[in-house]
Amino acid sequence: MARTDYIPDSDNDLLAWYDQFNIACNTMGTLVGLTGPELTQISGDNADFHSALTALESAKMAQRAAVAAKNDARRTAVGHARDLAARIRANTAYTEALGASFGLLGAAVLAGPERPDLFLRGAAVAGSVTVGFQKGTWSGVELRCRRGTEAAFSFLARDTESPYVDTRPNLDPSAPETRQYTARFLDGDEAVGPDSDVLVLTVPQ
């Protein structure tokens, strides 16, 4: 009977396998001719792998925390800057020259194939809607959604890579739900341009 490789692919599965292998070697290894130095090597390898994997998981947690802290700091900084920018633009002394000095003019919006019209495409299955988009040279899109009996569109998400996956449960879990999606391009973190055509999908119950 054909079998797969006995060495697991994932690190966690390999760790469990190596624990079993280490125990078997140290309890029954002499029955199959394993020497003392070989048993010591196996135990050392097992301990080193445990330590390395623990260090990796700690580093991943630290990275996630650092990314979250950066995102919080960016959100706070941008929020304060936008508040002040609005006051600066509203001041009677404001001119475009001053705006340029403060960095408030932004880049010119290009037209043509480098800045394509925004259109959405998607598919729905029970518990999940996938919304695809082509951002061209824009930073991403800001998505809004109206579902069920909601009267108006509301902010859903900002996404820089297609597709966006909407995993919200139906408002009424016992019935299918119609959802309408629309979007605008993102220039940095600012939504610009007209709304896309509305994408309408039905999410099964």
N, C-alpha and C. Protein backbone atom coordinates (compact mmCIF):
# COMPACT_ATOMS: atom_id res chain seq x y z
N MET A 1 0.85 -1.20 0.00
CA MET A 1 0.00 0.00 0.00
C MET A 1 0.88 1.24 0.00
N ALA A 2 0.61 2.18 -0.92
CA ALA A 2 1.39 3.41 -0.99
C ALA A 2 1.09 4.29 0.22
N ARG A 3 2.10 4.99 0.69
CA ARG A 3 1.95 5.89 1.83
C ARG A 3 2.63 7.22 1.52
N THR A 4 2.17 8.26 2.20
CA THR A 4 2.81 9.57 2.07
C THR A 4 4.09 9.58 2.91
N ASP A 5 4.89 10.63 2.75
CA ASP A 5 6.10 10.78 3.55
C ASP A 5 5.70 10.87 5.02
N TYR A 6 6.42 10.18 5.88
CA TYR A 6 6.07 10.18 7.31
C TYR A 6 6.47 11.48 8.00
N ILE A 7 7.29 12.32 7.34
CA ILE A 7 7.65 13.62 7.92
C ILE A 7 6.56 14.62 7.56
N PRO A 8 5.83 15.18 8.55
CA PRO A 8 4.76 16.14 8.25
C PRO A 8 5.30 17.43 7.63
N ASP A 9 4.45 18.12 6.88
CA ASP A 9 4.85 19.36 6.23
C ASP A 9 4.84 20.55 7.19
N SER A 10 3.77 20.69 7.98
CA SER A 10 3.66 21.88 8.83
C SER A 10 4.55 21.76 10.06
N ASP A 11 5.00 22.91 10.55
CA ASP A 11 5.88 22.93 11.72
C ASP A 11 5.21 22.33 12.95
N ASN A 12 3.94 22.67 13.18
CA ASN A 12 3.27 22.17 14.38
C ASN A 12 3.08 20.65 14.32
N ASP A 13 2.71 20.16 13.13
CA ASP A 13 2.57 18.71 12.98
C ASP A 13 3.93 18.01 13.14
N LEU A 14 4.97 18.64 12.59
CA LEU A 14 6.30 18.05 12.72
C LEU A 14 6.75 18.03 14.18
N LEU A 15 6.41 19.08 14.92
CA LEU A 15 6.78 19.13 16.33
C LEU A 15 6.13 17.98 17.09
N ALA A 16 4.84 17.73 16.84
CA ALA A 16 4.16 16.62 17.49
C ALA A 16 4.78 15.29 17.09
N TRP A 17 5.09 15.17 15.78
CA TRP A 17 5.73 13.94 15.32
C TRP A 17 7.09 13.74 15.98
N TYR A 18 7.88 14.83 16.08
CA TYR A 18 9.23 14.70 16.62
C TYR A 18 9.20 14.37 18.11
N ASP A 19 8.18 14.90 18.83
CA ASP A 19 8.03 14.53 20.24
C ASP A 19 7.83 13.02 20.37
N GLN A 20 6.95 12.47 19.52
CA GLN A 20 6.71 11.02 19.55
C GLN A 20 7.98 10.25 19.19
N PHE A 21 8.67 10.73 18.15
CA PHE A 21 9.89 10.06 17.71
C PHE A 21 10.96 10.08 18.80
N ASN A 22 11.09 11.23 19.48
CA ASN A 22 12.08 11.36 20.55
C ASN A 22 11.78 10.41 21.70
N ILE A 23 10.51 10.33 22.09
CA ILE A 23 10.13 9.43 23.18
C ILE A 23 10.41 7.98 22.80
N ALA A 24 10.02 7.61 21.56
CA ALA A 24 10.24 6.23 21.12
C ALA A 24 11.72 5.89 21.07
N CYS A 25 12.53 6.83 20.59
CA CYS A 25 13.98 6.59 20.52
C CYS A 25 14.57 6.36 21.91
N ASN A 26 14.14 7.16 22.87
CA ASN A 26 14.74 7.08 24.20
C ASN A 26 14.17 5.94 25.06
N THR A 27 13.04 5.39 24.65
CA THR A 27 12.49 4.26 25.41
C THR A 27 12.74 2.92 24.74
N MET A 28 12.86 2.93 23.41
CA MET A 28 13.01 1.67 22.68
C MET A 28 14.18 1.68 21.71
N GLY A 29 14.95 2.76 21.71
CA GLY A 29 16.01 2.88 20.72
C GLY A 29 17.07 1.81 20.80
N THR A 30 17.39 1.36 22.02
CA THR A 30 18.43 0.34 22.16
C THR A 30 18.00 -0.99 21.53
N LEU A 31 16.67 -1.19 21.42
CA LEU A 31 16.19 -2.44 20.81
C LEU A 31 16.53 -2.50 19.32
N VAL A 32 16.69 -1.32 18.71
CA VAL A 32 16.99 -1.30 17.27
C VAL A 32 18.40 -0.77 17.00
N GLY A 33 19.26 -0.82 18.04
CA GLY A 33 20.67 -0.52 17.86
C GLY A 33 21.07 0.92 17.92
N LEU A 34 20.22 1.82 18.42
CA LEU A 34 20.62 3.23 18.55
C LEU A 34 21.60 3.37 19.69
N THR A 35 22.60 4.23 19.50
CA THR A 35 23.65 4.42 20.50
C THR A 35 23.32 5.59 21.42
N GLY A 36 24.04 5.67 22.52
CA GLY A 36 23.86 6.77 23.46
C GLY A 36 24.03 8.14 22.82
N PRO A 37 25.12 8.37 22.06
CA PRO A 37 25.29 9.67 21.40
C PRO A 37 24.15 10.00 20.42
N GLU A 38 23.64 8.97 19.74
CA GLU A 38 22.54 9.21 18.82
C GLU A 38 21.27 9.62 19.57
N LEU A 39 21.02 8.99 20.70
CA LEU A 39 19.84 9.36 21.50
C LEU A 39 19.98 10.76 22.05
N THR A 40 21.20 11.11 22.47
CA THR A 40 21.45 12.48 22.95
C THR A 40 21.22 13.50 21.83
N GLN A 41 21.65 13.15 20.61
CA GLN A 41 21.46 14.04 19.46
C GLN A 41 19.98 14.26 19.17
N ILE A 42 19.21 13.17 19.18
CA ILE A 42 17.78 13.28 18.91
C ILE A 42 17.10 14.17 19.94
N SER A 43 17.42 13.96 21.22
CA SER A 43 16.81 14.77 22.28
C SER A 43 17.21 16.23 22.14
N GLY A 44 18.47 16.48 21.79
CA GLY A 44 18.92 17.85 21.61
C GLY A 44 18.24 18.53 20.43
N ASP A 45 18.11 17.79 19.33
CA ASP A 45 17.41 18.34 18.16
C ASP A 45 15.96 18.68 18.50
N ASN A 46 15.31 17.81 19.26
CA ASN A 46 13.92 18.03 19.65
C ASN A 46 13.79 19.30 20.49
N ALA A 47 14.70 19.47 21.45
CA ALA A 47 14.66 20.65 22.32
C ALA A 47 14.94 21.92 21.51
N ASP A 48 15.90 21.85 20.57
CA ASP A 48 16.23 23.02 19.76
C ASP A 48 15.05 23.43 18.87
N PHE A 49 14.36 22.42 18.31
CA PHE A 49 13.21 22.71 17.45
C PHE A 49 12.09 23.36 18.26
N HIS A 50 11.85 22.84 19.47
CA HIS A 50 10.86 23.46 20.35
C HIS A 50 11.20 24.92 20.60
N SER A 51 12.45 25.19 20.95
CA SER A 51 12.88 26.56 21.27
C SER A 51 12.75 27.48 20.05
N ALA A 52 13.17 26.98 18.89
CA ALA A 52 13.12 27.81 17.69
C ALA A 52 11.68 28.13 17.30
N LEU A 53 10.79 27.14 17.41
CA LEU A 53 9.40 27.38 17.04
C LEU A 53 8.72 28.33 18.02
N THR A 54 9.04 28.20 19.30
CA THR A 54 8.51 29.12 20.31
C THR A 54 8.98 30.55 20.04
N ALA A 55 10.26 30.69 19.69
CA ALA A 55 10.81 32.02 19.39
C ALA A 55 10.13 32.62 18.16
N LEU A 56 9.86 31.77 17.15
CA LEU A 56 9.19 32.24 15.94
C LEU A 56 7.79 32.73 16.26
N GLU A 57 7.03 31.98 17.06
CA GLU A 57 5.67 32.39 17.41
C GLU A 57 5.69 33.69 18.20
N SER A 58 6.67 33.85 19.09
CA SER A 58 6.79 35.09 19.85
C SER A 58 7.08 36.26 18.93
N ALA A 59 7.96 36.02 17.93
CA ALA A 59 8.28 37.08 16.98
C ALA A 59 7.06 37.47 16.15
N LYS A 60 6.25 36.48 15.76
CA LYS A 60 5.03 36.77 14.99
C LYS A 60 4.06 37.60 15.83
N MET A 61 3.91 37.25 17.10
CA MET A 61 3.02 38.01 17.97
C MET A 61 3.52 39.43 18.13
N ALA A 62 4.85 39.59 18.29
CA ALA A 62 5.43 40.92 18.42
C ALA A 62 5.22 41.74 17.15
N GLN A 63 5.35 41.07 15.99
CA GLN A 63 5.14 41.76 14.72
C GLN A 63 3.69 42.22 14.59
N ARG A 64 2.75 41.33 14.95
CA ARG A 64 1.33 41.71 14.87
C ARG A 64 1.04 42.88 15.78
N ALA A 65 1.63 42.88 16.97
CA ALA A 65 1.42 43.98 17.91
C ALA A 65 2.02 45.27 17.36
N ALA A 66 3.21 45.15 16.74
CA ALA A 66 3.87 46.33 16.18
C ALA A 66 3.07 46.91 15.01
N VAL A 67 2.52 46.03 14.17
CA VAL A 67 1.71 46.50 13.04
C VAL A 67 0.44 47.18 13.55
N ALA A 68 -0.19 46.59 14.58
CA ALA A 68 -1.40 47.20 15.14
C ALA A 68 -1.09 48.56 15.75
N ALA A 69 0.05 48.67 16.44
CA ALA A 69 0.44 49.94 17.04
C ALA A 69 0.72 50.98 15.96
N LYS A 70 1.38 50.54 14.89
CA LYS A 70 1.65 51.47 13.78
C LYS A 70 0.36 51.95 13.15
N ASN A 71 -0.59 51.02 12.92
CA ASN A 71 -1.86 51.39 12.31
C ASN A 71 -2.63 52.37 13.20
N ASP A 72 -2.61 52.13 14.51
CA ASP A 72 -3.28 53.04 15.44
C ASP A 72 -2.64 54.43 15.40
N ALA A 73 -1.29 54.45 15.40
CA ALA A 73 -0.58 55.73 15.37
C ALA A 73 -0.86 56.47 14.06
N ARG A 74 -0.88 55.72 12.95
CA ARG A 74 -1.16 56.35 11.66
C ARG A 74 -2.58 56.92 11.62
N ARG A 75 -3.55 56.12 12.12
CA ARG A 75 -4.94 56.57 12.11
C ARG A 75 -5.10 57.84 12.95
N THR A 76 -4.46 57.86 14.12
CA THR A 76 -4.55 59.04 14.99
C THR A 76 -3.89 60.25 14.34
N ALA A 77 -2.68 60.03 13.78
CA ALA A 77 -1.96 61.14 13.17
C ALA A 77 -2.72 61.72 11.97
N VAL A 78 -3.24 60.83 11.11
CA VAL A 78 -3.97 61.29 9.94
C VAL A 78 -5.25 62.01 10.35
N GLY A 79 -5.93 61.51 11.37
CA GLY A 79 -7.15 62.16 11.84
C GLY A 79 -6.88 63.58 12.33
N HIS A 80 -5.83 63.75 13.14
CA HIS A 80 -5.48 65.09 13.63
C HIS A 80 -5.07 65.99 12.48
N ALA A 81 -4.28 65.44 11.53
CA ALA A 81 -3.82 66.25 10.40
C ALA A 81 -4.99 66.70 9.54
N ARG A 82 -5.96 65.80 9.29
CA ARG A 82 -7.12 66.19 8.49
C ARG A 82 -7.95 67.27 9.18
N ASP A 83 -8.09 67.17 10.50
CA ASP A 83 -8.83 68.20 11.24
C ASP A 83 -8.16 69.56 11.08
N LEU A 84 -6.83 69.59 11.26
CA LEU A 84 -6.10 70.84 11.13
C LEU A 84 -6.12 71.34 9.68
N ALA A 85 -6.00 70.42 8.72
CA ALA A 85 -6.02 70.82 7.32
C ALA A 85 -7.34 71.48 6.95
N ALA A 86 -8.44 70.94 7.49
CA ALA A 86 -9.75 71.54 7.22
C ALA A 86 -9.82 72.96 7.76
N ARG A 87 -9.26 73.18 8.94
CA ARG A 87 -9.23 74.53 9.51
C ARG A 87 -8.35 75.46 8.68
N ILE A 88 -7.21 74.95 8.23
CA ILE A 88 -6.31 75.76 7.42
C ILE A 88 -6.98 76.18 6.12
N ARG A 89 -7.63 75.23 5.45
CA ARG A 89 -8.28 75.53 4.18
C ARG A 89 -9.44 76.51 4.35
N ALA A 90 -10.09 76.45 5.52
CA ALA A 90 -11.23 77.33 5.76
C ALA A 90 -10.82 78.74 6.20
N ASN A 91 -9.56 78.92 6.54
CA ASN A 91 -9.09 80.22 7.02
C ASN A 91 -9.10 81.23 5.87
N THR A 92 -9.45 82.47 6.17
CA THR A 92 -9.54 83.50 5.12
C THR A 92 -8.17 83.82 4.51
N ALA A 93 -7.10 83.50 5.22
CA ALA A 93 -5.75 83.77 4.70
C ALA A 93 -5.24 82.65 3.79
N TYR A 94 -6.04 81.59 3.62
CA TYR A 94 -5.56 80.43 2.86
C TYR A 94 -5.47 80.75 1.37
N THR A 95 -4.37 80.31 0.76
CA THR A 95 -4.18 80.39 -0.68
C THR A 95 -3.61 79.05 -1.15
N GLU A 96 -3.62 78.83 -2.45
CA GLU A 96 -3.04 77.59 -2.97
C GLU A 96 -1.55 77.52 -2.68
N ALA A 97 -0.89 78.67 -2.68
CA ALA A 97 0.54 78.69 -2.36
C ALA A 97 0.76 78.21 -0.93
N LEU A 98 -0.07 78.69 0.00
CA LEU A 98 0.03 78.20 1.37
C LEU A 98 -0.31 76.71 1.43
N GLY A 99 -1.34 76.34 0.70
CA GLY A 99 -1.72 74.93 0.68
C GLY A 99 -0.58 74.04 0.21
N ALA A 100 0.15 74.50 -0.81
CA ALA A 100 1.30 73.74 -1.29
C ALA A 100 2.38 73.64 -0.22
N SER A 101 2.58 74.71 0.54
CA SER A 101 3.59 74.70 1.60
C SER A 101 3.23 73.68 2.68
N PHE A 102 1.95 73.55 2.95
CA PHE A 102 1.49 72.58 3.95
C PHE A 102 1.33 71.16 3.37
N GLY A 103 1.48 71.04 2.05
CA GLY A 103 1.30 69.74 1.42
C GLY A 103 -0.15 69.34 1.28
N LEU A 104 -1.05 70.31 1.07
CA LEU A 104 -2.48 70.04 1.09
C LEU A 104 -3.12 69.98 -0.30
N LEU A 105 -2.34 70.12 -1.37
CA LEU A 105 -2.96 70.18 -2.69
C LEU A 105 -3.20 68.79 -3.28
N GLY A 106 -2.37 67.83 -2.94
CA GLY A 106 -2.53 66.49 -3.50
C GLY A 106 -2.07 66.45 -4.94
N ALA A 107 -1.92 65.24 -5.45
CA ALA A 107 -1.48 65.06 -6.83
C ALA A 107 -2.67 65.22 -7.78
N ALA A 108 -2.36 65.63 -9.00
CA ALA A 108 -3.41 65.75 -10.01
C ALA A 108 -3.96 64.37 -10.33
N VAL A 109 -5.27 64.28 -10.53
CA VAL A 109 -5.92 63.02 -10.87
C VAL A 109 -5.76 62.78 -12.36
N LEU A 110 -5.18 61.65 -12.71
CA LEU A 110 -4.95 61.33 -14.10
C LEU A 110 -6.20 60.72 -14.72
N ALA A 111 -6.32 60.84 -16.01
CA ALA A 111 -7.41 60.22 -16.74
C ALA A 111 -6.84 59.22 -17.73
N GLY A 112 -7.72 58.45 -18.36
CA GLY A 112 -7.25 57.53 -19.37
C GLY A 112 -7.00 56.15 -18.81
N PRO A 113 -6.26 55.32 -19.56
CA PRO A 113 -6.09 53.91 -19.17
C PRO A 113 -5.36 53.72 -17.86
N GLU A 114 -4.53 54.70 -17.43
CA GLU A 114 -3.83 54.56 -16.17
C GLU A 114 -4.77 54.72 -14.98
N ARG A 115 -5.92 55.34 -15.21
CA ARG A 115 -6.92 55.54 -14.17
C ARG A 115 -8.25 54.98 -14.68
N PRO A 116 -8.43 53.67 -14.66
CA PRO A 116 -9.63 53.07 -15.28
C PRO A 116 -10.89 53.37 -14.48
N ASP A 117 -12.03 53.26 -15.18
CA ASP A 117 -13.30 53.34 -14.47
C ASP A 117 -13.37 52.19 -13.47
N LEU A 118 -14.03 52.45 -12.35
CA LEU A 118 -14.14 51.43 -11.30
C LEU A 118 -15.38 50.58 -11.53
N PHE A 119 -15.19 49.28 -11.59
CA PHE A 119 -16.34 48.38 -11.65
C PHE A 119 -16.09 47.22 -10.71
N LEU A 120 -17.17 46.69 -10.18
CA LEU A 120 -17.11 45.60 -9.22
C LEU A 120 -17.66 44.33 -9.84
N ARG A 121 -17.13 43.22 -9.39
CA ARG A 121 -17.66 41.92 -9.78
C ARG A 121 -17.69 41.07 -8.53
N GLY A 122 -18.52 40.07 -8.46
CA GLY A 122 -18.58 39.32 -7.22
C GLY A 122 -19.33 38.01 -7.33
N ALA A 123 -19.30 37.28 -6.24
CA ALA A 123 -20.01 36.01 -6.12
C ALA A 123 -20.39 35.83 -4.67
N ALA A 124 -21.51 35.14 -4.44
CA ALA A 124 -22.01 34.94 -3.09
C ALA A 124 -22.30 33.47 -2.85
N VAL A 125 -21.90 33.01 -1.67
CA VAL A 125 -22.29 31.70 -1.17
C VAL A 125 -22.77 31.91 0.26
N ALA A 126 -23.32 30.88 0.86
CA ALA A 126 -23.82 31.02 2.23
C ALA A 126 -22.68 31.44 3.15
N GLY A 127 -22.86 32.58 3.83
CA GLY A 127 -21.89 33.04 4.80
C GLY A 127 -20.73 33.84 4.26
N SER A 128 -20.69 34.09 2.94
CA SER A 128 -19.53 34.79 2.39
C SER A 128 -19.86 35.42 1.04
N VAL A 129 -19.41 36.67 0.87
CA VAL A 129 -19.52 37.37 -0.41
C VAL A 129 -18.12 37.82 -0.81
N THR A 130 -17.73 37.53 -2.03
CA THR A 130 -16.44 37.95 -2.55
C THR A 130 -16.66 39.07 -3.56
N VAL A 131 -16.04 40.23 -3.29
CA VAL A 131 -16.18 41.39 -4.17
C VAL A 131 -14.82 41.70 -4.78
N GLY A 132 -14.73 41.58 -6.10
CA GLY A 132 -13.48 41.85 -6.79
C GLY A 132 -13.50 43.24 -7.42
N PHE A 133 -12.32 43.81 -7.63
CA PHE A 133 -12.22 45.14 -8.24
C PHE A 133 -10.86 45.27 -8.92
N GLN A 134 -10.75 46.22 -9.84
CA GLN A 134 -9.49 46.57 -10.47
C GLN A 134 -9.13 47.97 -10.06
N LYS A 135 -8.06 48.12 -9.30
CA LYS A 135 -7.71 49.44 -8.76
C LYS A 135 -6.77 50.23 -9.67
N GLY A 136 -6.19 49.57 -10.69
CA GLY A 136 -5.25 50.28 -11.54
C GLY A 136 -4.09 50.83 -10.72
N THR A 137 -3.80 52.11 -10.90
CA THR A 137 -2.71 52.73 -10.14
C THR A 137 -3.20 53.45 -8.89
N TRP A 138 -4.47 53.29 -8.56
CA TRP A 138 -4.98 53.85 -7.32
C TRP A 138 -4.50 53.02 -6.13
N SER A 139 -4.64 53.56 -4.93
CA SER A 139 -4.18 52.87 -3.73
C SER A 139 -5.07 51.68 -3.37
N GLY A 140 -6.33 51.76 -3.72
CA GLY A 140 -7.30 50.72 -3.38
C GLY A 140 -8.69 51.25 -3.58
N VAL A 141 -9.65 50.71 -2.84
CA VAL A 141 -11.03 51.17 -2.95
C VAL A 141 -11.66 51.29 -1.56
N GLU A 142 -12.65 52.16 -1.48
CA GLU A 142 -13.49 52.25 -0.29
C GLU A 142 -14.85 51.68 -0.66
N LEU A 143 -15.25 50.64 0.05
CA LEU A 143 -16.49 49.92 -0.25
C LEU A 143 -17.61 50.36 0.68
N ARG A 144 -18.81 50.49 0.10
CA ARG A 144 -20.01 50.72 0.89
C ARG A 144 -21.03 49.65 0.52
N CYS A 145 -21.96 49.39 1.44
CA CYS A 145 -22.91 48.30 1.22
C CYS A 145 -24.28 48.67 1.78
N ARG A 146 -25.30 48.17 1.10
CA ARG A 146 -26.67 48.25 1.60
C ARG A 146 -27.23 46.84 1.51
N ARG A 147 -27.82 46.35 2.58
CA ARG A 147 -28.31 44.97 2.56
C ARG A 147 -29.69 44.87 3.17
N GLY A 148 -30.41 43.84 2.71
CA GLY A 148 -31.74 43.62 3.25
C GLY A 148 -32.64 44.82 3.05
N THR A 149 -33.25 45.27 4.14
CA THR A 149 -34.18 46.39 4.08
C THR A 149 -33.53 47.72 4.44
N GLU A 150 -32.21 47.76 4.52
CA GLU A 150 -31.53 49.01 4.86
C GLU A 150 -31.84 50.07 3.81
N ALA A 151 -32.05 51.31 4.29
CA ALA A 151 -32.47 52.37 3.38
C ALA A 151 -31.29 53.04 2.68
N ALA A 152 -30.11 53.00 3.27
CA ALA A 152 -28.98 53.73 2.72
C ALA A 152 -27.72 52.88 2.73
N PHE A 153 -26.78 53.25 1.87
CA PHE A 153 -25.48 52.61 1.88
C PHE A 153 -24.69 53.08 3.10
N SER A 154 -23.87 52.19 3.66
CA SER A 154 -23.01 52.56 4.78
C SER A 154 -21.60 52.03 4.52
N PHE A 155 -20.64 52.68 5.17
CA PHE A 155 -19.24 52.29 5.00
C PHE A 155 -19.04 50.84 5.38
N LEU A 156 -18.31 50.12 4.54
CA LEU A 156 -18.00 48.71 4.81
C LEU A 156 -16.52 48.51 5.09
N ALA A 157 -15.65 48.96 4.20
CA ALA A 157 -14.23 48.68 4.39
C ALA A 157 -13.41 49.48 3.39
N ARG A 158 -12.13 49.60 3.68
CA ARG A 158 -11.15 50.07 2.70
C ARG A 158 -10.20 48.91 2.44
N ASP A 159 -9.97 48.65 1.16
CA ASP A 159 -9.15 47.49 0.81
C ASP A 159 -8.17 47.89 -0.28
N THR A 160 -6.93 47.41 -0.13
CA THR A 160 -5.89 47.74 -1.10
C THR A 160 -5.60 46.61 -2.07
N GLU A 161 -6.16 45.45 -1.82
CA GLU A 161 -5.94 44.31 -2.70
C GLU A 161 -7.26 43.58 -2.96
N SER A 162 -7.50 43.28 -4.22
CA SER A 162 -8.71 42.53 -4.60
C SER A 162 -8.46 41.03 -4.40
N PRO A 163 -9.49 40.28 -3.97
CA PRO A 163 -10.85 40.71 -3.67
C PRO A 163 -11.04 41.03 -2.19
N TYR A 164 -12.19 41.66 -1.89
CA TYR A 164 -12.61 41.84 -0.51
C TYR A 164 -13.64 40.75 -0.20
N VAL A 165 -13.51 40.13 0.97
CA VAL A 165 -14.43 39.06 1.36
C VAL A 165 -15.28 39.54 2.54
N ASP A 166 -16.57 39.61 2.31
CA ASP A 166 -17.54 40.05 3.32
C ASP A 166 -18.13 38.81 4.00
N THR A 167 -17.76 38.60 5.26
CA THR A 167 -18.21 37.39 5.98
C THR A 167 -19.29 37.69 7.01
N ARG A 168 -19.93 38.82 6.91
CA ARG A 168 -21.00 39.13 7.85
C ARG A 168 -22.18 38.17 7.66
N PRO A 169 -22.79 37.71 8.75
CA PRO A 169 -23.97 36.85 8.60
C PRO A 169 -25.16 37.65 8.10
N ASN A 170 -26.10 36.98 7.48
CA ASN A 170 -27.33 37.65 7.05
C ASN A 170 -28.05 38.26 8.23
N LEU A 171 -28.71 39.38 8.00
CA LEU A 171 -29.48 40.02 9.07
C LEU A 171 -30.55 39.07 9.60
N ASP A 172 -31.14 38.32 8.68
CA ASP A 172 -32.08 37.26 9.06
C ASP A 172 -31.46 35.93 8.63
N PRO A 173 -30.86 35.18 9.57
CA PRO A 173 -30.15 33.95 9.19
C PRO A 173 -31.04 32.90 8.53
N SER A 174 -32.36 33.05 8.66
CA SER A 174 -33.26 32.04 8.12
C SER A 174 -33.70 32.34 6.70
N ALA A 175 -33.19 33.43 6.11
CA ALA A 175 -33.65 33.82 4.78
C ALA A 175 -32.48 34.33 3.94
N PRO A 176 -32.59 34.21 2.60
CA PRO A 176 -31.58 34.82 1.72
C PRO A 176 -31.58 36.33 1.90
N GLU A 177 -30.47 36.97 1.54
CA GLU A 177 -30.35 38.42 1.73
C GLU A 177 -29.77 39.06 0.47
N THR A 178 -30.43 40.12 0.00
CA THR A 178 -29.91 40.89 -1.13
C THR A 178 -28.93 41.94 -0.61
N ARG A 179 -27.76 41.99 -1.20
CA ARG A 179 -26.76 43.00 -0.83
C ARG A 179 -26.35 43.80 -2.06
N GLN A 180 -26.20 45.09 -1.86
CA GLN A 180 -25.77 45.99 -2.92
C GLN A 180 -24.44 46.63 -2.50
N TYR A 181 -23.48 46.58 -3.39
CA TYR A 181 -22.15 47.11 -3.10
C TYR A 181 -21.80 48.22 -4.10
N THR A 182 -21.17 49.25 -3.62
CA THR A 182 -20.62 50.29 -4.47
C THR A 182 -19.28 50.72 -3.89
N ALA A 183 -18.47 51.39 -4.69
CA ALA A 183 -17.12 51.72 -4.23
C ALA A 183 -16.61 52.99 -4.90
N ARG A 184 -15.58 53.57 -4.27
CA ARG A 184 -14.83 54.68 -4.86
C ARG A 184 -13.36 54.35 -4.75
N PHE A 185 -12.56 54.91 -5.66
CA PHE A 185 -11.13 54.70 -5.59
C PHE A 185 -10.55 55.39 -4.35
N LEU A 186 -9.42 54.88 -3.87
CA LEU A 186 -8.67 55.50 -2.80
C LEU A 186 -7.41 56.14 -3.37
N ASP A 187 -7.20 57.41 -3.07
CA ASP A 187 -5.95 58.09 -3.38
C ASP A 187 -5.24 58.29 -2.04
N GLY A 188 -4.30 57.39 -1.72
CA GLY A 188 -3.77 57.36 -0.36
C GLY A 188 -4.85 56.80 0.55
N ASP A 189 -5.30 57.61 1.49
CA ASP A 189 -6.39 57.18 2.37
C ASP A 189 -7.65 58.01 2.14
N GLU A 190 -7.73 58.69 1.00
CA GLU A 190 -8.89 59.54 0.70
C GLU A 190 -9.68 58.96 -0.46
N ALA A 191 -10.99 58.80 -0.27
CA ALA A 191 -11.86 58.31 -1.32
C ALA A 191 -12.10 59.42 -2.33
N VAL A 192 -11.90 59.11 -3.62
CA VAL A 192 -12.02 60.13 -4.66
C VAL A 192 -12.84 59.57 -5.82
N GLY A 193 -13.31 60.50 -6.66
CA GLY A 193 -14.01 60.10 -7.86
C GLY A 193 -15.44 59.68 -7.60
N PRO A 194 -16.15 59.34 -8.68
CA PRO A 194 -17.56 58.96 -8.56
C PRO A 194 -17.72 57.54 -8.02
N ASP A 195 -18.93 57.24 -7.55
CA ASP A 195 -19.24 55.89 -7.13
C ASP A 195 -19.25 54.95 -8.33
N SER A 196 -18.86 53.72 -8.09
CA SER A 196 -18.97 52.70 -9.13
C SER A 196 -20.44 52.36 -9.36
N ASP A 197 -20.71 51.62 -10.43
CA ASP A 197 -22.03 51.03 -10.58
C ASP A 197 -22.29 50.09 -9.41
N VAL A 198 -23.55 49.87 -9.10
CA VAL A 198 -23.91 49.04 -7.95
C VAL A 198 -23.86 47.57 -8.34
N LEU A 199 -23.17 46.80 -7.53
CA LEU A 199 -23.12 45.34 -7.68
C LEU A 199 -24.19 44.74 -6.77
N VAL A 200 -25.10 43.95 -7.33
CA VAL A 200 -26.18 43.36 -6.55
C VAL A 200 -25.98 41.85 -6.51
N LEU A 201 -25.97 41.30 -5.28
CA LEU A 201 -25.79 39.87 -5.09
C LEU A 201 -26.81 39.37 -4.05
N THR A 202 -27.17 38.11 -4.17
CA THR A 202 -28.05 37.50 -3.19
C THR A 202 -27.26 36.46 -2.41
N VAL A 203 -27.25 36.61 -1.09
CA VAL A 203 -26.51 35.70 -0.21
C VAL A 203 -27.49 34.63 0.27
N PRO A 204 -27.23 33.36 0.00
CA PRO A 204 -28.14 32.31 0.47
C PRO A 204 -28.19 32.26 2.00
N GLN A 205 -29.26 31.67 2.52
CA GLN A 205 -29.37 31.55 3.98
C GLN A 205 -28.37 30.53 4.52
